[in-house]
Amino acid sequence: MPARRPRRGTFERLCPRCGRRRRFTDSSPPWMCASCGAELPRRSTRDGLWDQLAAALLPPEDSPGALVLGGRTLVWIALALWGLHFLAMDPATDAAGRSFLHHVNLTFHEAGHVLFRPFGRFLTVLGGSLFQVLVPLVVAGAFLVRRHPFGASVGLWWAGQSLIDVAPYIHDARRMTLPLLGGGTGQDRPGSHDWNNLLRWTGLLEWDHAIAMAAHLLGSALLLGALLWGALALWRGWRTPDRVRGPYPG
């Protein structure tokens, strides 16, 4: 096996020894042919933007065992089915608020109000919704730094779901009929509805329904993109030869 080469830079996709063209789903390092193990020639950085993106989103990782891959596949199927449930939700209803994940997101929402309190009233109010979306993105980033693309895709799925979870709250900015933490609604407790305050302060209150739909669509896009990302990571894992992958976690 050739000595490990530096991770920086990009490399040609055509192997000079066996002629195989590298695929972005290959689990071998970017400098190594997945078929024969030969070193690939270095190429110009300008010509390798797609390779750089593929390497960033699907970095080479230690090949997991078949049991781990099987478990990840079951997780992906569960997230796909659950994701369809969230995609079909209407931001004009409180369907997202009846989900188990809503209570998880609510914990980070309330923590966001506390964490952003030193930055003024506007960011204190915005911090709740902002933090409940930022936490899953940080989780995704942490997995990606550790070269675990499937875990990162799960974090991105959660971020999309959390944004879908925020959409009904935005949609309720004028109506203020959703139940709030601590009891009552925004009508019963003036000044306690985050998105009524935010959109009223910015002069966008009449756009609450459009902004809510935009949040729902963006969350849906993140959720679908995460499922695609996770599927690619699984596909690459299952395509790794059994002699390399092994039956158990390494």
C-alpha atoms as a PDB file:
ATOM      1  CA  MET A   1       0.000   0.000   0.000  1.00  0.00           C
ATOM      2  CA  PRO A   2       1.390   3.438  -0.873  1.00  0.00           C
ATOM      3  CA  ALA A   3       2.297   5.868   1.879  1.00  0.00           C
ATOM      4  CA  ARG A   4      -0.424   8.268   2.945  1.00  0.00           C
ATOM      5  CA  ARG A   5      -0.353  11.503   0.995  1.00  0.00           C
ATOM      6  CA  PRO A   6      -1.437  14.914   2.262  1.00  0.00           C
ATOM      7  CA  ARG A   7      -5.195  15.540   2.218  1.00  0.00           C
ATOM      8  CA  ARG A   8      -4.838  18.959   0.629  1.00  0.00           C
ATOM      9  CA  GLY A   9      -5.111  19.388  -3.097  1.00  0.00           C
ATOM     10  CA  THR A  10      -7.098  17.485  -5.688  1.00  0.00           C
ATOM     11  CA  PHE A  11      -6.172  14.505  -7.808  1.00  0.00           C
ATOM     12  CA  GLU A  12      -6.954  13.130 -11.232  1.00  0.00           C
ATOM     13  CA  ARG A  13      -9.983  10.859 -11.435  1.00  0.00           C
ATOM     14  CA  LEU A  14      -8.524   8.433 -14.004  1.00  0.00           C
ATOM     15  CA  CYS A  15      -6.130   5.816 -12.606  1.00  0.00           C
ATOM     16  CA  PRO A  16      -2.880   5.669 -14.626  1.00  0.00           C
ATOM     17  CA  ARG A  17      -2.403   1.971 -13.771  1.00  0.00           C
ATOM     18  CA  CYS A  18      -5.797   0.268 -14.303  1.00  0.00           C
ATOM     19  CA  GLY A  19      -7.711   3.007 -16.122  1.00  0.00           C
ATOM     20  CA  ARG A  20     -10.586   3.047 -13.631  1.00  0.00           C
ATOM     21  CA  ARG A  21     -12.343   6.395 -13.214  1.00  0.00           C
ATOM     22  CA  ARG A  22     -12.798   7.472  -9.625  1.00  0.00           C
ATOM     23  CA  ARG A  23     -16.385   7.900  -8.391  1.00  0.00           C
ATOM     24  CA  PHE A  24     -17.388  10.382  -5.727  1.00  0.00           C
ATOM     25  CA  THR A  25     -18.887   7.491  -3.744  1.00  0.00           C
ATOM     26  CA  ASP A  26     -15.523   5.672  -3.477  1.00  0.00           C
ATOM     27  CA  SER A  27     -14.495   5.125   0.139  1.00  0.00           C
ATOM     28  CA  SER A  28     -10.749   5.196  -0.556  1.00  0.00           C
ATOM     29  CA  PRO A  29      -8.714   8.385   0.109  1.00  0.00           C
ATOM     30  CA  PRO A  30      -8.887  10.933  -2.735  1.00  0.00           C
ATOM     31  CA  TRP A  31      -5.280  10.217  -3.728  1.00  0.00           C
ATOM     32  CA  MET A  32      -5.790   6.446  -4.102  1.00  0.00           C
ATOM     33  CA  CYS A  33      -7.468   4.337  -6.806  1.00  0.00           C
ATOM     34  CA  ALA A  34     -10.265   2.334  -5.180  1.00  0.00           C
ATOM     35  CA  SER A  35      -9.595  -0.597  -7.511  1.00  0.00           C
ATOM     36  CA  CYS A  36      -5.841  -1.197  -7.562  1.00  0.00           C
ATOM     37  CA  GLY A  37      -4.551   1.137  -4.832  1.00  0.00           C
ATOM     38  CA  ALA A  38      -2.314   3.151  -7.161  1.00  0.00           C
ATOM     39  CA  GLU A  39      -1.591   6.796  -6.388  1.00  0.00           C
ATOM     40  CA  LEU A  40      -3.528   9.235  -8.516  1.00  0.00           C
ATOM     41  CA  PRO A  41      -1.645  12.183 -10.042  1.00  0.00           C
ATOM     42  CA  ARG A  42      -2.229  15.563  -8.493  1.00  0.00           C
ATOM     43  CA  ARG A  43      -4.333  17.929 -10.561  1.00  0.00           C
ATOM     44  CA  SER A  44      -4.884  21.663 -10.637  1.00  0.00           C
ATOM     45  CA  THR A  45      -7.070  23.019  -7.838  1.00  0.00           C
ATOM     46  CA  ARG A  46      -9.029  25.058 -10.379  1.00  0.00           C
ATOM     47  CA  ASP A  47     -10.132  21.897 -12.133  1.00  0.00           C
ATOM     48  CA  GLY A  48     -11.170  20.034  -9.000  1.00  0.00           C
ATOM     49  CA  LEU A  49     -13.998  22.041  -7.435  1.00  0.00           C
ATOM     50  CA  TRP A  50     -16.452  19.168  -7.768  1.00  0.00           C
ATOM     51  CA  ASP A  51     -13.905  16.771  -6.270  1.00  0.00           C
ATOM     52  CA  GLN A  52     -13.333  19.154  -3.375  1.00  0.00           C
ATOM     53  CA  LEU A  53     -17.068  19.400  -2.710  1.00  0.00           C
ATOM     54  CA  ALA A  54     -17.481  15.634  -2.896  1.00  0.00           C
ATOM     55  CA  ALA A  55     -14.500  15.126  -0.573  1.00  0.00           C
ATOM     56  CA  ALA A  56     -15.941  17.629   1.912  1.00  0.00           C
ATOM     57  CA  LEU A  57     -19.415  16.073   2.014  1.00  0.00           C
ATOM     58  CA  LEU A  58     -18.321  12.440   1.663  1.00  0.00           C
ATOM     59  CA  PRO A  59     -14.880  12.320   3.290  1.00  0.00           C
ATOM     60  CA  PRO A  60     -13.125   8.950   3.420  1.00  0.00           C
ATOM     61  CA  GLU A  61     -13.919   7.182   6.678  1.00  0.00           C
ATOM     62  CA  ASP A  62     -12.958   3.908   8.279  1.00  0.00           C
ATOM     63  CA  SER A  63     -15.216   1.359   6.599  1.00  0.00           C
ATOM     64  CA  PRO A  64     -17.913   0.330   9.090  1.00  0.00           C
ATOM     65  CA  GLY A  65     -18.947  -3.263   9.550  1.00  0.00           C
ATOM     66  CA  ALA A  66     -22.000  -4.789   7.962  1.00  0.00           C
ATOM     67  CA  LEU A  67     -23.912  -4.618  11.253  1.00  0.00           C
ATOM     68  CA  VAL A  68     -23.259  -0.893  11.549  1.00  0.00           C
ATOM     69  CA  LEU A  69     -24.265  -0.309   7.940  1.00  0.00           C
ATOM     70  CA  GLY A  70     -27.416  -2.336   8.469  1.00  0.00           C
ATOM     71  CA  GLY A  71     -28.299  -0.250  11.507  1.00  0.00           C
ATOM     72  CA  ARG A  72     -27.644   2.985   9.627  1.00  0.00           C
ATOM     73  CA  THR A  73     -29.839   1.782   6.785  1.00  0.00           C
ATOM     74  CA  LEU A  74     -32.716   1.140   9.209  1.00  0.00           C
ATOM     75  CA  VAL A  75     -32.201   4.616  10.688  1.00  0.00           C
ATOM     76  CA  TRP A  76     -32.291   6.136   7.193  1.00  0.00           C
ATOM     77  CA  ILE A  77     -35.543   4.335   6.353  1.00  0.00           C
ATOM     78  CA  ALA A  78     -37.112   5.538   9.611  1.00  0.00           C
ATOM     79  CA  LEU A  79     -35.995   9.131   8.953  1.00  0.00           C
ATOM     80  CA  ALA A  80     -37.310   8.963   5.380  1.00  0.00           C
ATOM     81  CA  LEU A  81     -40.753   7.798   6.525  1.00  0.00           C
ATOM     82  CA  TRP A  82     -40.815  10.285   9.390  1.00  0.00           C
ATOM     83  CA  GLY A  83     -39.614  12.999   7.048  1.00  0.00           C
ATOM     84  CA  LEU A  84     -42.553  12.424   4.702  1.00  0.00           C
ATOM     85  CA  HIS A  85     -44.814  13.071   7.684  1.00  0.00           C
ATOM     86  CA  PHE A  86     -43.158  16.443   8.316  1.00  0.00           C
ATOM     87  CA  LEU A  87     -43.089  17.399   4.643  1.00  0.00           C
ATOM     88  CA  ALA A  88     -46.857  16.953   4.427  1.00  0.00           C
ATOM     89  CA  MET A  89     -47.537  19.261   7.378  1.00  0.00           C
ATOM     90  CA  ASP A  90     -49.315  22.553   6.811  1.00  0.00           C
ATOM     91  CA  PRO A  91     -47.674  25.491   8.635  1.00  0.00           C
ATOM     92  CA  ALA A  92     -51.170  26.912   9.167  1.00  0.00           C
ATOM     93  CA  THR A  93     -51.856  24.055  11.621  1.00  0.00           C
ATOM     94  CA  ASP A  94     -50.222  22.970  14.865  1.00  0.00           C
ATOM     95  CA  ALA A  95     -49.387  19.482  13.554  1.00  0.00           C
ATOM     96  CA  ALA A  96     -45.640  19.998  14.131  1.00  0.00           C
ATOM     97  CA  GLY A  97     -46.333  20.930  17.751  1.00  0.00           C
ATOM     98  CA  ARG A  98     -47.794  17.496  18.429  1.00  0.00           C
ATOM     99  CA  SER A  99     -44.603  15.703  17.382  1.00  0.00           C
ATOM    100  CA  PHE A 100     -42.198  14.179  19.887  1.00  0.00           C
ATOM    101  CA  LEU A 101     -39.369  16.204  18.336  1.00  0.00           C
ATOM    102  CA  HIS A 102     -41.217  19.427  19.099  1.00  0.00           C
ATOM    103  CA  HIS A 103     -40.519  18.881  22.796  1.00  0.00           C
ATOM    104  CA  VAL A 104     -36.850  18.246  22.052  1.00  0.00           C
ATOM    105  CA  ASN A 105     -36.653  21.409  19.952  1.00  0.00           C
ATOM    106  CA  LEU A 106     -38.524  23.362  22.623  1.00  0.00           C
ATOM    107  CA  THR A 107     -35.746  22.653  25.123  1.00  0.00           C
ATOM    108  CA  PHE A 108     -33.156  24.282  22.872  1.00  0.00           C
ATOM    109  CA  HIS A 109     -35.612  27.052  21.960  1.00  0.00           C
ATOM    110  CA  GLU A 110     -35.922  28.141  25.565  1.00  0.00           C
ATOM    111  CA  ALA A 111     -32.173  27.786  26.115  1.00  0.00           C
ATOM    112  CA  GLY A 112     -31.609  30.094  23.138  1.00  0.00           C
ATOM    113  CA  HIS A 113     -33.528  32.891  24.837  1.00  0.00           C
ATOM    114  CA  VAL A 114     -31.182  32.655  27.809  1.00  0.00           C
ATOM    115  CA  LEU A 115     -27.961  32.373  25.783  1.00  0.00           C
ATOM    116  CA  PHE A 116     -28.764  35.358  23.564  1.00  0.00           C
ATOM    117  CA  ARG A 117     -29.935  37.594  26.419  1.00  0.00           C
ATOM    118  CA  PRO A 118     -26.632  39.528  26.635  1.00  0.00           C
ATOM    119  CA  PHE A 119     -27.064  40.672  23.000  1.00  0.00           C
ATOM    120  CA  GLY A 120     -30.174  42.793  23.444  1.00  0.00           C
ATOM    121  CA  ARG A 121     -33.921  42.301  23.342  1.00  0.00           C
ATOM    122  CA  PHE A 122     -34.237  41.579  19.612  1.00  0.00           C
ATOM    123  CA  LEU A 123     -31.665  38.770  19.619  1.00  0.00           C
ATOM    124  CA  THR A 124     -33.034  37.462  22.920  1.00  0.00           C
ATOM    125  CA  VAL A 125     -36.421  36.956  21.287  1.00  0.00           C
ATOM    126  CA  LEU A 126     -34.974  35.674  18.002  1.00  0.00           C
ATOM    127  CA  GLY A 127     -32.489  33.467  19.841  1.00  0.00           C
ATOM    128  CA  GLY A 128     -35.106  30.865  20.719  1.00  0.00           C
ATOM    129  CA  SER A 129     -35.989  29.941  17.143  1.00  0.00           C
ATOM    130  CA  LEU A 130     -32.423  30.559  15.980  1.00  0.00           C
ATOM    131  CA  PHE A 131     -30.813  28.300  18.564  1.00  0.00           C
ATOM    132  CA  GLN A 132     -33.167  25.379  17.967  1.00  0.00           C
ATOM    133  CA  VAL A 133     -31.992  25.348  14.333  1.00  0.00           C
ATOM    134  CA  LEU A 134     -28.336  26.074  15.097  1.00  0.00           C
ATOM    135  CA  VAL A 135     -27.926  23.140  17.495  1.00  0.00           C
ATOM    136  CA  PRO A 136     -28.652  20.472  14.833  1.00  0.00           C
ATOM    137  CA  LEU A 137     -26.345  22.279  12.402  1.00  0.00           C
ATOM    138  CA  VAL A 138     -23.560  22.206  14.998  1.00  0.00           C
ATOM    139  CA  VAL A 139     -24.223  18.483  15.468  1.00  0.00           C
ATOM    140  CA  ALA A 140     -23.958  17.985  11.698  1.00  0.00           C
ATOM    141  CA  GLY A 141     -20.721  19.974  11.586  1.00  0.00           C
ATOM    142  CA  ALA A 142     -19.224  18.003  14.462  1.00  0.00           C
ATOM    143  CA  PHE A 143     -19.925  14.705  12.698  1.00  0.00           C
ATOM    144  CA  LEU A 144     -18.505  16.050   9.447  1.00  0.00           C
ATOM    145  CA  VAL A 145     -15.297  17.194  11.135  1.00  0.00           C
ATOM    146  CA  ARG A 146     -14.962  13.663  12.496  1.00  0.00           C
ATOM    147  CA  ARG A 147     -15.388  12.337   8.928  1.00  0.00           C
ATOM    148  CA  HIS A 148     -18.764  10.737   9.627  1.00  0.00           C
ATOM    149  CA  PRO A 149     -20.962  11.826   6.708  1.00  0.00           C
ATOM    150  CA  PHE A 150     -23.964   9.703   7.665  1.00  0.00           C
ATOM    151  CA  GLY A 151     -24.053  11.201  11.163  1.00  0.00           C
ATOM    152  CA  ALA A 152     -23.738  14.657   9.613  1.00  0.00           C
ATOM    153  CA  SER A 153     -26.714  13.925   7.347  1.00  0.00           C
ATOM    154  CA  VAL A 154     -28.806  13.004  10.399  1.00  0.00           C
ATOM    155  CA  GLY A 155     -27.884  16.340  11.984  1.00  0.00           C
ATOM    156  CA  LEU A 156     -28.914  18.167   8.815  1.00  0.00           C
ATOM    157  CA  TRP A 157     -32.208  16.217   8.763  1.00  0.00           C
ATOM    158  CA  TRP A 158     -32.851  17.409  12.293  1.00  0.00           C
ATOM    159  CA  ALA A 159     -32.074  21.011  11.300  1.00  0.00           C
ATOM    160  CA  GLY A 160     -34.630  20.801   8.474  1.00  0.00           C
ATOM    161  CA  GLN A 161     -37.226  19.322  10.807  1.00  0.00           C
ATOM    162  CA  SER A 162     -36.544  22.034  13.381  1.00  0.00           C
ATOM    163  CA  LEU A 163     -37.118  24.723  10.757  1.00  0.00           C
ATOM    164  CA  ILE A 164     -40.405  23.051   9.810  1.00  0.00           C
ATOM    165  CA  ASP A 165     -41.213  23.101  13.529  1.00  0.00           C
ATOM    166  CA  VAL A 166     -40.685  26.891  13.660  1.00  0.00           C
ATOM    167  CA  ALA A 167     -42.949  27.585  10.647  1.00  0.00           C
ATOM    168  CA  PRO A 168     -46.327  27.279  12.484  1.00  0.00           C
ATOM    169  CA  TYR A 169     -45.079  29.694  15.158  1.00  0.00           C
ATOM    170  CA  ILE A 170     -44.255  32.246  12.449  1.00  0.00           C
ATOM    171  CA  HIS A 171     -47.625  31.634  10.758  1.00  0.00           C
ATOM    172  CA  ASP A 172     -49.355  32.396  14.084  1.00  0.00           C
ATOM    173  CA  ALA A 173     -47.735  35.830  14.446  1.00  0.00           C
ATOM    174  CA  ARG A 174     -50.909  37.807  13.738  1.00  0.00           C
ATOM    175  CA  ARG A 175     -53.464  35.283  14.943  1.00  0.00           C
ATOM    176  CA  MET A 176     -51.644  34.406  18.192  1.00  0.00           C
ATOM    177  CA  THR A 177     -53.801  31.394  19.035  1.00  0.00           C
ATOM    178  CA  LEU A 178     -51.117  28.731  19.549  1.00  0.00           C
ATOM    179  CA  PRO A 179     -50.626  27.637  23.176  1.00  0.00           C
ATOM    180  CA  LEU A 180     -47.440  29.027  24.693  1.00  0.00           C
ATOM    181  CA  LEU A 181     -45.111  27.508  27.241  1.00  0.00           C
ATOM    182  CA  GLY A 182     -46.446  28.426  30.670  1.00  0.00           C
ATOM    183  CA  GLY A 183     -50.076  28.461  29.578  1.00  0.00           C
ATOM    184  CA  GLY A 184     -52.293  30.766  27.576  1.00  0.00           C
ATOM    185  CA  THR A 185     -51.800  32.181  24.098  1.00  0.00           C
ATOM    186  CA  GLY A 186     -50.251  35.301  22.661  1.00  0.00           C
ATOM    187  CA  GLN A 187     -53.638  36.995  22.923  1.00  0.00           C
ATOM    188  CA  ASP A 188     -53.831  36.212  26.626  1.00  0.00           C
ATOM    189  CA  ARG A 189     -50.261  37.358  27.303  1.00  0.00           C
ATOM    190  CA  PRO A 190     -49.412  40.464  25.235  1.00  0.00           C
ATOM    191  CA  GLY A 191     -45.744  40.718  24.282  1.00  0.00           C
ATOM    192  CA  SER A 192     -45.025  37.026  24.901  1.00  0.00           C
ATOM    193  CA  HIS A 193     -45.329  35.759  21.293  1.00  0.00           C
ATOM    194  CA  ASP A 194     -41.818  35.700  19.803  1.00  0.00           C
ATOM    195  CA  TRP A 195     -42.742  36.044  16.169  1.00  0.00           C
ATOM    196  CA  ASN A 196     -45.451  38.631  16.734  1.00  0.00           C
ATOM    197  CA  ASN A 197     -42.797  40.751  18.413  1.00  0.00           C
ATOM    198  CA  LEU A 198     -40.118  40.111  15.781  1.00  0.00           C
ATOM    199  CA  LEU A 199     -42.308  40.795  12.746  1.00  0.00           C
ATOM    200  CA  ARG A 200     -44.002  43.764  14.396  1.00  0.00           C
ATOM    201  CA  TRP A 201     -40.641  45.335  15.228  1.00  0.00           C
ATOM    202  CA  THR A 202     -39.398  44.836  11.667  1.00  0.00           C
ATOM    203  CA  GLY A 203     -42.648  45.957   9.982  1.00  0.00           C
ATOM    204  CA  LEU A 204     -43.185  42.521   8.418  1.00  0.00           C
ATOM    205  CA  LEU A 205     -46.169  41.349  10.438  1.00  0.00           C
ATOM    206  CA  GLU A 206     -48.483  41.162   7.415  1.00  0.00           C
ATOM    207  CA  TRP A 207     -45.964  38.825   5.743  1.00  0.00           C
ATOM    208  CA  ASP A 208     -46.139  36.220   8.499  1.00  0.00           C
ATOM    209  CA  HIS A 209     -47.819  33.562   6.330  1.00  0.00           C
ATOM    210  CA  ALA A 210     -45.360  34.003   3.456  1.00  0.00           C
ATOM    211  CA  ILE A 211     -42.360  33.896   5.810  1.00  0.00           C
ATOM    212  CA  ALA A 212     -43.773  30.784   7.475  1.00  0.00           C
ATOM    213  CA  MET A 213     -44.153  29.057   4.128  1.00  0.00           C
ATOM    214  CA  ALA A 214     -40.603  30.036   3.173  1.00  0.00           C
ATOM    215  CA  ALA A 215     -39.333  28.534   6.454  1.00  0.00           C
ATOM    216  CA  HIS A 216     -41.329  25.357   5.799  1.00  0.00           C
ATOM    217  CA  LEU A 217     -39.989  25.043   2.250  1.00  0.00           C
ATOM    218  CA  LEU A 218     -36.397  25.690   3.325  1.00  0.00           C
ATOM    219  CA  GLY A 219     -36.735  23.121   6.094  1.00  0.00           C
ATOM    220  CA  SER A 220     -38.184  20.651   3.602  1.00  0.00           C
ATOM    221  CA  ALA A 221     -35.261  21.240   1.241  1.00  0.00           C
ATOM    222  CA  LEU A 222     -32.753  20.645   4.049  1.00  0.00           C
ATOM    223  CA  LEU A 223     -34.589  17.486   5.085  1.00  0.00           C
ATOM    224  CA  LEU A 224     -34.655  16.089   1.548  1.00  0.00           C
ATOM    225  CA  GLY A 225     -31.030  17.060   0.966  1.00  0.00           C
ATOM    226  CA  ALA A 226     -30.069  15.288   4.185  1.00  0.00           C
ATOM    227  CA  LEU A 227     -31.829  12.107   3.060  1.00  0.00           C
ATOM    228  CA  LEU A 228     -30.003  12.232  -0.266  1.00  0.00           C
ATOM    229  CA  TRP A 229     -26.691  12.824   1.507  1.00  0.00           C
ATOM    230  CA  GLY A 230     -27.305   9.938   3.870  1.00  0.00           C
ATOM    231  CA  ALA A 231     -28.291   7.653   0.981  1.00  0.00           C
ATOM    232  CA  LEU A 232     -25.038   8.440  -0.839  1.00  0.00           C
ATOM    233  CA  ALA A 233     -23.023   7.730   2.307  1.00  0.00           C
ATOM    234  CA  LEU A 234     -24.801   4.388   2.734  1.00  0.00           C
ATOM    235  CA  TRP A 235     -24.396   3.503  -0.933  1.00  0.00           C
ATOM    236  CA  ARG A 236     -20.674   4.103  -0.723  1.00  0.00           C
ATOM    237  CA  GLY A 237     -20.450   2.021   2.436  1.00  0.00           C
ATOM    238  CA  TRP A 238     -22.292  -0.949   0.962  1.00  0.00           C
ATOM    239  CA  ARG A 239     -20.157  -0.813  -2.190  1.00  0.00           C
ATOM    240  CA  THR A 240     -16.979  -1.305  -0.177  1.00  0.00           C
ATOM    241  CA  PRO A 241     -15.698  -4.880  -0.673  1.00  0.00           C
ATOM    242  CA  ASP A 242     -16.545  -7.280   2.167  1.00  0.00           C
ATOM    243  CA  ARG A 243     -12.878  -8.053   2.758  1.00  0.00           C
ATOM    244  CA  VAL A 244     -12.329  -4.376   3.553  1.00  0.00           C
ATOM    245  CA  ARG A 245     -15.609  -3.705   5.316  1.00  0.00           C
ATOM    246  CA  GLY A 246     -15.732  -6.767   7.557  1.00  0.00           C
ATOM    247  CA  PRO A 247     -18.747  -8.048   9.495  1.00  0.00           C
ATOM    248  CA  TYR A 248     -18.184  -6.003  12.658  1.00  0.00           C
ATOM    249  CA  PRO A 249     -17.354  -2.419  13.562  1.00  0.00           C
ATOM    250  CA  GLY A 250     -13.669  -1.638  13.419  1.00  0.00           C
END
